Amino acid sequence: MNRVPFALLAAGAFMALTATINPAAMAQTDPHQPTNDGSAAASVTVPPGQVAPGVDPGTSMANGGVQSNIQATQQQNAANQAQYQSDLAAYDQAMQAHGHAVAQQDVRYARQKRAYADAMEAWRMQDYACRHGSNRACNSPAPDPANYY
């Protein structure tokens, strides 16, 4: 029997403690927001003692600063992207010019190579003629590849 009154006493203390706790007093309040005393139209959706929806000047100012930072960042990103595209176009143009120069060099090299081969062929014929008794071939200068361009 001793245990039943103790349990009742503990349950009664718990009930008394929970009855003294005011949920409205426990709710967070914002000093920048008007509280709803039940007379406002918002009382239909916001219980008395709670913070009514509104505009906090500090939050509005911070959000404005964030928005201006976002806009500045977007403008800088657009400028960076334009510069990047310009750099790509300049690179492409330089590579095309380089490719054209390389192609010209390749054509020139092929012509030089062919001129050298033609001069060597003429020299071999001259050498053959000289070895077989042609004084004119022996007294002539060696063929110049520049004459075969």
N, C-alpha and C. Protein backbone atom coordinates (compact mmCIF):
# COMPACT_ATOMS: atom_id res chain seq x y z
N MET A 1 0.79 -1.19 0.00
CA MET A 1 0.00 0.00 0.00
C MET A 1 0.84 1.26 0.00
N ASN A 2 2.02 1.14 0.48
CA ASN A 2 2.88 2.33 0.52
C ASN A 2 3.25 2.80 -0.89
N ARG A 3 3.28 1.93 -1.80
CA ARG A 3 3.70 2.31 -3.15
C ARG A 3 2.61 3.06 -3.90
N VAL A 4 1.36 2.82 -3.70
CA VAL A 4 0.28 3.47 -4.43
C VAL A 4 0.21 4.96 -4.08
N PRO A 5 0.27 5.37 -2.81
CA PRO A 5 0.23 6.82 -2.53
C PRO A 5 1.46 7.53 -3.09
N PHE A 6 2.60 6.86 -3.10
CA PHE A 6 3.80 7.49 -3.66
C PHE A 6 3.63 7.73 -5.15
N ALA A 7 3.04 6.76 -5.87
CA ALA A 7 2.79 6.90 -7.30
C ALA A 7 1.79 8.00 -7.55
N LEU A 8 0.76 8.08 -6.74
CA LEU A 8 -0.22 9.15 -6.89
C LEU A 8 0.40 10.51 -6.62
N LEU A 9 1.27 10.57 -5.66
CA LEU A 9 1.95 11.82 -5.33
C LEU A 9 2.86 12.26 -6.48
N ALA A 10 3.58 11.34 -7.07
CA ALA A 10 4.47 11.66 -8.19
C ALA A 10 3.65 12.10 -9.40
N ALA A 11 2.53 11.44 -9.66
CA ALA A 11 1.68 11.81 -10.79
C ALA A 11 1.07 13.18 -10.57
N GLY A 12 0.68 13.49 -9.36
CA GLY A 12 0.10 14.79 -9.05
C GLY A 12 1.13 15.90 -9.21
N ALA A 13 2.36 15.65 -8.80
CA ALA A 13 3.43 16.65 -8.94
C ALA A 13 3.71 16.91 -10.41
N PHE A 14 3.70 15.86 -11.19
CA PHE A 14 3.94 16.02 -12.63
C PHE A 14 2.82 16.83 -13.27
N MET A 15 1.57 16.56 -12.91
CA MET A 15 0.44 17.30 -13.46
C MET A 15 0.51 18.77 -13.05
N ALA A 16 0.88 19.05 -11.84
CA ALA A 16 0.97 20.44 -11.37
C ALA A 16 2.09 21.17 -12.11
N LEU A 17 3.17 20.50 -12.33
CA LEU A 17 4.30 21.11 -13.02
C LEU A 17 3.95 21.42 -14.47
N THR A 18 3.30 20.50 -15.15
CA THR A 18 2.95 20.75 -16.55
C THR A 18 1.87 21.80 -16.66
N ALA A 19 1.02 21.96 -15.69
CA ALA A 19 -0.03 22.97 -15.75
C ALA A 19 0.54 24.37 -15.57
N THR A 20 1.65 24.51 -14.87
CA THR A 20 2.24 25.83 -14.66
C THR A 20 3.07 26.31 -15.84
N ILE A 21 3.45 25.40 -16.73
CA ILE A 21 4.24 25.80 -17.89
C ILE A 21 3.30 26.41 -18.93
N ASN A 22 3.57 27.66 -19.31
CA ASN A 22 2.76 28.36 -20.30
C ASN A 22 3.44 28.23 -21.66
N PRO A 23 2.84 27.53 -22.61
CA PRO A 23 3.50 27.35 -23.91
C PRO A 23 3.74 28.68 -24.62
N ALA A 24 2.87 29.67 -24.45
CA ALA A 24 3.05 30.96 -25.10
C ALA A 24 4.29 31.66 -24.55
N ALA A 25 4.55 31.50 -23.26
CA ALA A 25 5.73 32.12 -22.66
C ALA A 25 7.00 31.41 -23.12
N MET A 26 6.88 30.14 -23.45
CA MET A 26 8.04 29.38 -23.90
C MET A 26 8.39 29.68 -25.36
N ALA A 27 7.43 30.18 -26.12
CA ALA A 27 7.65 30.44 -27.54
C ALA A 27 8.65 31.58 -27.71
N GLN A 28 9.41 31.52 -28.77
CA GLN A 28 10.37 32.58 -29.05
C GLN A 28 9.63 33.81 -29.55
N THR A 29 10.06 34.94 -29.12
CA THR A 29 9.47 36.18 -29.60
C THR A 29 10.56 37.04 -30.20
N ASP A 30 10.19 37.82 -31.18
CA ASP A 30 11.12 38.70 -31.87
C ASP A 30 10.76 40.14 -31.50
N PRO A 31 11.69 40.90 -30.95
CA PRO A 31 11.35 42.26 -30.54
C PRO A 31 11.00 43.16 -31.72
N HIS A 32 11.39 42.80 -32.91
CA HIS A 32 11.08 43.60 -34.08
C HIS A 32 9.71 43.28 -34.67
N GLN A 33 9.07 42.23 -34.19
CA GLN A 33 7.78 41.81 -34.70
C GLN A 33 6.69 42.16 -33.68
N PRO A 34 5.53 42.61 -34.18
CA PRO A 34 4.42 42.84 -33.24
C PRO A 34 3.87 41.49 -32.80
N THR A 35 3.52 41.39 -31.54
CA THR A 35 2.94 40.13 -31.06
C THR A 35 1.44 40.17 -31.32
N ASN A 36 0.90 39.00 -31.47
CA ASN A 36 -0.53 38.87 -31.74
C ASN A 36 -1.24 38.74 -30.41
N ASP A 37 -2.05 39.75 -30.11
CA ASP A 37 -2.81 39.71 -28.85
C ASP A 37 -4.21 39.19 -29.08
N GLY A 38 -4.48 38.73 -30.25
CA GLY A 38 -5.78 38.17 -30.55
C GLY A 38 -6.69 39.16 -31.24
N SER A 39 -6.32 40.43 -31.29
CA SER A 39 -7.19 41.42 -31.91
C SER A 39 -6.91 41.60 -33.39
N ALA A 40 -5.74 41.15 -33.86
CA ALA A 40 -5.37 41.34 -35.26
C ALA A 40 -6.04 40.29 -36.13
N ALA A 41 -6.07 40.57 -37.42
CA ALA A 41 -6.65 39.62 -38.36
C ALA A 41 -5.83 38.33 -38.40
N ALA A 42 -4.55 38.45 -38.07
CA ALA A 42 -3.70 37.27 -38.07
C ALA A 42 -4.04 36.32 -36.95
N SER A 43 -4.90 36.75 -36.00
CA SER A 43 -5.22 35.88 -34.88
C SER A 43 -5.94 34.62 -35.31
N VAL A 44 -6.48 34.64 -36.53
CA VAL A 44 -7.15 33.45 -37.03
C VAL A 44 -6.13 32.34 -37.28
N THR A 45 -4.93 32.73 -37.72
CA THR A 45 -3.93 31.72 -38.05
C THR A 45 -2.81 31.64 -37.04
N VAL A 46 -2.57 32.70 -36.28
CA VAL A 46 -1.47 32.71 -35.33
C VAL A 46 -2.05 32.79 -33.92
N PRO A 47 -1.72 31.83 -33.07
CA PRO A 47 -2.26 31.85 -31.70
C PRO A 47 -1.75 33.07 -30.92
N PRO A 48 -2.50 33.53 -29.96
CA PRO A 48 -2.06 34.67 -29.14
C PRO A 48 -0.72 34.39 -28.48
N GLY A 49 0.13 35.41 -28.45
CA GLY A 49 1.44 35.27 -27.84
C GLY A 49 2.51 34.85 -28.84
N GLN A 50 2.11 34.38 -29.99
CA GLN A 50 3.08 33.97 -31.01
C GLN A 50 3.45 35.17 -31.88
N VAL A 51 4.54 35.04 -32.61
CA VAL A 51 5.00 36.12 -33.47
C VAL A 51 4.19 36.10 -34.77
N ALA A 52 3.62 37.25 -35.11
CA ALA A 52 2.86 37.36 -36.34
C ALA A 52 3.82 37.56 -37.51
N PRO A 53 3.46 37.08 -38.67
CA PRO A 53 4.35 37.29 -39.81
C PRO A 53 4.48 38.78 -40.11
N GLY A 54 5.66 39.18 -40.45
CA GLY A 54 5.91 40.59 -40.73
C GLY A 54 7.27 40.76 -41.36
N VAL A 55 7.74 41.96 -41.37
CA VAL A 55 9.02 42.28 -41.99
C VAL A 55 9.98 42.72 -40.91
N ASP A 56 11.12 42.05 -40.85
CA ASP A 56 12.16 42.42 -39.90
C ASP A 56 13.13 43.34 -40.63
N PRO A 57 13.35 44.56 -40.14
CA PRO A 57 14.24 45.48 -40.84
C PRO A 57 15.67 44.94 -40.96
N GLY A 58 16.15 44.26 -39.96
CA GLY A 58 17.50 43.71 -40.01
C GLY A 58 17.63 42.64 -41.07
N THR A 59 16.62 41.76 -41.12
CA THR A 59 16.63 40.70 -42.12
C THR A 59 16.49 41.30 -43.52
N SER A 60 15.61 42.29 -43.66
CA SER A 60 15.43 42.93 -44.96
C SER A 60 16.73 43.58 -45.44
N MET A 61 17.43 44.24 -44.51
CA MET A 61 18.68 44.89 -44.88
C MET A 61 19.74 43.82 -45.26
N ALA A 62 19.80 42.75 -44.51
CA ALA A 62 20.76 41.69 -44.82
C ALA A 62 20.43 41.04 -46.16
N ASN A 63 19.14 40.79 -46.39
CA ASN A 63 18.72 40.20 -47.67
C ASN A 63 19.04 41.14 -48.82
N GLY A 64 18.88 42.44 -48.63
CA GLY A 64 19.23 43.40 -49.67
C GLY A 64 20.71 43.37 -49.98
N GLY A 65 21.53 43.25 -48.93
CA GLY A 65 22.97 43.15 -49.13
C GLY A 65 23.35 41.88 -49.87
N VAL A 66 22.70 40.79 -49.51
CA VAL A 66 22.96 39.52 -50.19
C VAL A 66 22.55 39.61 -51.65
N GLN A 67 21.38 40.22 -51.90
CA GLN A 67 20.90 40.35 -53.27
C GLN A 67 21.85 41.20 -54.10
N SER A 68 22.37 42.29 -53.53
CA SER A 68 23.30 43.12 -54.29
C SER A 68 24.61 42.37 -54.52
N ASN A 69 25.04 41.56 -53.56
CA ASN A 69 26.24 40.74 -53.76
C ASN A 69 26.01 39.71 -54.87
N ILE A 70 24.83 39.13 -54.91
CA ILE A 70 24.52 38.16 -55.96
C ILE A 70 24.56 38.84 -57.32
N GLN A 71 23.95 40.03 -57.42
CA GLN A 71 23.95 40.75 -58.69
C GLN A 71 25.37 41.13 -59.11
N ALA A 72 26.18 41.58 -58.17
CA ALA A 72 27.57 41.94 -58.49
C ALA A 72 28.34 40.71 -58.95
N THR A 73 28.11 39.59 -58.29
CA THR A 73 28.79 38.35 -58.68
C THR A 73 28.34 37.91 -60.07
N GLN A 74 27.04 38.03 -60.34
CA GLN A 74 26.55 37.64 -61.66
C GLN A 74 27.13 38.54 -62.75
N GLN A 75 27.25 39.85 -62.46
CA GLN A 75 27.85 40.76 -63.43
C GLN A 75 29.32 40.42 -63.66
N GLN A 76 30.04 40.13 -62.58
CA GLN A 76 31.45 39.76 -62.71
C GLN A 76 31.60 38.45 -63.47
N ASN A 77 30.72 37.49 -63.19
CA ASN A 77 30.76 36.22 -63.91
C ASN A 77 30.50 36.43 -65.40
N ALA A 78 29.56 37.32 -65.72
CA ALA A 78 29.27 37.59 -67.14
C ALA A 78 30.48 38.24 -67.80
N ALA A 79 31.12 39.17 -67.10
CA ALA A 79 32.33 39.81 -67.65
C ALA A 79 33.45 38.78 -67.82
N ASN A 80 33.62 37.91 -66.83
CA ASN A 80 34.64 36.86 -66.93
C ASN A 80 34.35 35.92 -68.08
N GLN A 81 33.08 35.56 -68.25
CA GLN A 81 32.71 34.65 -69.34
C GLN A 81 32.96 35.31 -70.69
N ALA A 82 32.66 36.61 -70.81
CA ALA A 82 32.92 37.32 -72.07
C ALA A 82 34.42 37.36 -72.36
N GLN A 83 35.23 37.61 -71.32
CA GLN A 83 36.69 37.63 -71.50
C GLN A 83 37.19 36.24 -71.90
N TYR A 84 36.62 35.21 -71.29
CA TYR A 84 37.01 33.84 -71.61
C TYR A 84 36.69 33.52 -73.06
N GLN A 85 35.50 33.90 -73.52
CA GLN A 85 35.13 33.66 -74.91
C GLN A 85 36.04 34.43 -75.86
N SER A 86 36.40 35.66 -75.47
CA SER A 86 37.32 36.46 -76.28
C SER A 86 38.69 35.79 -76.35
N ASP A 87 39.15 35.28 -75.22
CA ASP A 87 40.44 34.58 -75.20
C ASP A 87 40.41 33.32 -76.07
N LEU A 88 39.29 32.59 -76.02
CA LEU A 88 39.16 31.40 -76.87
C LEU A 88 39.20 31.78 -78.35
N ALA A 89 38.50 32.86 -78.70
CA ALA A 89 38.48 33.29 -80.10
C ALA A 89 39.88 33.71 -80.54
N ALA A 90 40.61 34.43 -79.67
CA ALA A 90 41.98 34.83 -80.01
C ALA A 90 42.88 33.61 -80.16
N TYR A 91 42.71 32.64 -79.29
CA TYR A 91 43.50 31.41 -79.38
C TYR A 91 43.20 30.67 -80.69
N ASP A 92 41.91 30.56 -81.02
CA ASP A 92 41.54 29.88 -82.27
C ASP A 92 42.13 30.60 -83.47
N GLN A 93 42.08 31.92 -83.44
CA GLN A 93 42.64 32.70 -84.54
C GLN A 93 44.15 32.48 -84.63
N ALA A 94 44.84 32.49 -83.49
CA ALA A 94 46.29 32.27 -83.48
C ALA A 94 46.62 30.87 -84.00
N MET A 95 45.82 29.87 -83.60
CA MET A 95 46.07 28.50 -84.05
C MET A 95 45.83 28.37 -85.56
N GLN A 96 44.82 29.06 -86.07
CA GLN A 96 44.59 29.02 -87.52
C GLN A 96 45.74 29.68 -88.27
N ALA A 97 46.21 30.83 -87.74
CA ALA A 97 47.34 31.50 -88.37
C ALA A 97 48.58 30.61 -88.33
N HIS A 98 48.79 29.97 -87.19
CA HIS A 98 49.93 29.06 -87.05
C HIS A 98 49.80 27.88 -88.02
N GLY A 99 48.60 27.33 -88.10
CA GLY A 99 48.36 26.23 -89.02
C GLY A 99 48.62 26.64 -90.46
N HIS A 100 48.21 27.86 -90.80
CA HIS A 100 48.46 28.36 -92.16
C HIS A 100 49.97 28.50 -92.40
N ALA A 101 50.68 29.04 -91.39
CA ALA A 101 52.14 29.20 -91.51
C ALA A 101 52.82 27.83 -91.65
N VAL A 102 52.36 26.86 -90.87
CA VAL A 102 52.93 25.52 -90.95
C VAL A 102 52.67 24.91 -92.32
N ALA A 103 51.45 25.11 -92.83
CA ALA A 103 51.13 24.58 -94.16
C ALA A 103 52.01 25.22 -95.23
N GLN A 104 52.24 26.54 -95.12
CA GLN A 104 53.13 27.21 -96.07
C GLN A 104 54.55 26.67 -95.95
N GLN A 105 54.99 26.46 -94.71
CA GLN A 105 56.33 25.91 -94.50
C GLN A 105 56.44 24.51 -95.07
N ASP A 106 55.37 23.72 -94.91
CA ASP A 106 55.38 22.36 -95.46
C ASP A 106 55.47 22.39 -96.99
N VAL A 107 54.75 23.32 -97.60
CA VAL A 107 54.81 23.44 -99.06
C VAL A 107 56.21 23.86 -99.48
N ARG A 108 56.77 24.83 -98.76
CA ARG A 108 58.14 25.30 -99.08
C ARG A 108 59.15 24.17 -98.90
N TYR A 109 59.01 23.42 -97.82
CA TYR A 109 59.92 22.31 -97.57
C TYR A 109 59.83 21.27 -98.68
N ALA A 110 58.61 20.97 -99.11
CA ALA A 110 58.44 19.98 -100.19
C ALA A 110 59.10 20.48 -101.47
N ARG A 111 58.95 21.79 -101.75
CA ARG A 111 59.60 22.35 -102.94
C ARG A 111 61.13 22.29 -102.81
N GLN A 112 61.64 22.62 -101.62
CA GLN A 112 63.10 22.55 -101.40
C GLN A 112 63.60 21.12 -101.55
N LYS A 113 62.87 20.20 -100.98
CA LYS A 113 63.26 18.80 -101.04
C LYS A 113 63.29 18.33 -102.51
N ARG A 114 62.26 18.70 -103.25
CA ARG A 114 62.21 18.31 -104.67
C ARG A 114 63.34 18.99 -105.45
N ALA A 115 63.64 20.28 -105.16
CA ALA A 115 64.72 20.99 -105.85
C ALA A 115 66.06 20.35 -105.54
N TYR A 116 66.28 19.96 -104.29
CA TYR A 116 67.53 19.30 -103.93
C TYR A 116 67.66 17.96 -104.66
N ALA A 117 66.56 17.22 -104.69
CA ALA A 117 66.61 15.91 -105.38
C ALA A 117 66.88 16.10 -106.87
N ASP A 118 66.26 17.11 -107.49
CA ASP A 118 66.52 17.37 -108.92
C ASP A 118 67.96 17.81 -109.15
N ALA A 119 68.51 18.66 -108.24
CA ALA A 119 69.91 19.09 -108.37
C ALA A 119 70.85 17.90 -108.20
N MET A 120 70.54 17.00 -107.27
CA MET A 120 71.38 15.81 -107.08
C MET A 120 71.33 14.90 -108.31
N GLU A 121 70.15 14.80 -108.92
CA GLU A 121 70.05 13.98 -110.12
C GLU A 121 70.90 14.61 -111.24
N ALA A 122 70.83 15.94 -111.37
CA ALA A 122 71.64 16.63 -112.38
C ALA A 122 73.13 16.46 -112.08
N TRP A 123 73.49 16.51 -110.80
CA TRP A 123 74.90 16.34 -110.42
C TRP A 123 75.38 14.93 -110.78
N ARG A 124 74.55 13.92 -110.52
CA ARG A 124 74.94 12.53 -110.85
C ARG A 124 75.14 12.37 -112.36
N MET A 125 74.26 12.99 -113.12
CA MET A 125 74.43 12.92 -114.57
C MET A 125 75.70 13.67 -115.01
N GLN A 126 75.96 14.80 -114.36
CA GLN A 126 77.18 15.57 -114.65
C GLN A 126 78.41 14.75 -114.27
N ASP A 127 78.37 14.12 -113.11
CA ASP A 127 79.47 13.29 -112.65
C ASP A 127 79.70 12.12 -113.61
N TYR A 128 78.62 11.49 -114.04
CA TYR A 128 78.73 10.38 -114.98
C TYR A 128 79.37 10.86 -116.29
N ALA A 129 78.92 12.03 -116.76
CA ALA A 129 79.48 12.57 -118.01
C ALA A 129 80.95 12.90 -117.83
N CYS A 130 81.31 13.45 -116.70
CA CYS A 130 82.71 13.80 -116.42
C CYS A 130 83.56 12.54 -116.38
N ARG A 131 83.08 11.47 -115.76
CA ARG A 131 83.82 10.21 -115.65
C ARG A 131 83.98 9.53 -117.03
N HIS A 132 83.09 9.88 -117.90
CA HIS A 132 83.16 9.27 -119.23
C HIS A 132 83.73 10.22 -120.29
N GLY A 133 84.52 11.19 -119.85
CA GLY A 133 85.33 11.99 -120.76
C GLY A 133 84.78 13.33 -121.18
N SER A 134 83.72 13.85 -120.61
CA SER A 134 83.20 15.16 -121.01
C SER A 134 83.91 16.24 -120.21
N ASN A 135 84.84 17.00 -120.88
CA ASN A 135 85.53 18.10 -120.19
C ASN A 135 84.55 19.20 -119.79
N ARG A 136 83.54 19.41 -120.60
CA ARG A 136 82.55 20.44 -120.26
C ARG A 136 81.86 20.08 -118.95
N ALA A 137 81.50 18.83 -118.73
CA ALA A 137 80.86 18.38 -117.49
C ALA A 137 81.83 18.48 -116.32
N CYS A 138 83.10 18.21 -116.59
CA CYS A 138 84.10 18.28 -115.52
C CYS A 138 84.36 19.73 -115.12
N ASN A 139 84.31 20.68 -116.04
CA ASN A 139 84.61 22.08 -115.76
C ASN A 139 83.38 22.86 -115.28
N SER A 140 82.21 22.29 -115.36
CA SER A 140 80.99 22.98 -114.93
C SER A 140 80.87 22.93 -113.42
N PRO A 141 80.28 24.00 -112.83
CA PRO A 141 80.02 23.94 -111.37
C PRO A 141 78.93 22.93 -111.04
N ALA A 142 78.92 22.52 -109.82
CA ALA A 142 77.86 21.59 -109.38
C ALA A 142 76.50 22.30 -109.48
N PRO A 143 75.45 21.55 -109.80
CA PRO A 143 74.14 22.17 -109.90
C PRO A 143 73.70 22.79 -108.57
N ASP A 144 73.04 23.95 -108.62
CA ASP A 144 72.55 24.66 -107.43
C ASP A 144 71.07 24.33 -107.25
N PRO A 145 70.69 23.82 -106.09
CA PRO A 145 69.27 23.49 -105.87
C PRO A 145 68.35 24.69 -106.04
N ALA A 146 68.87 25.92 -105.80
CA ALA A 146 68.03 27.10 -105.95
C ALA A 146 67.57 27.28 -107.39
N ASN A 147 68.33 26.73 -108.32
CA ASN A 147 67.94 26.85 -109.73
C ASN A 147 66.80 25.89 -110.08
N TYR A 148 66.40 25.03 -109.18
CA TYR A 148 65.38 24.01 -109.46
C TYR A 148 64.06 24.29 -108.75
N TYR A 149 63.94 25.47 -108.14
CA TYR A 149 62.66 25.83 -107.47
C TYR A 149 61.58 26.04 -108.48
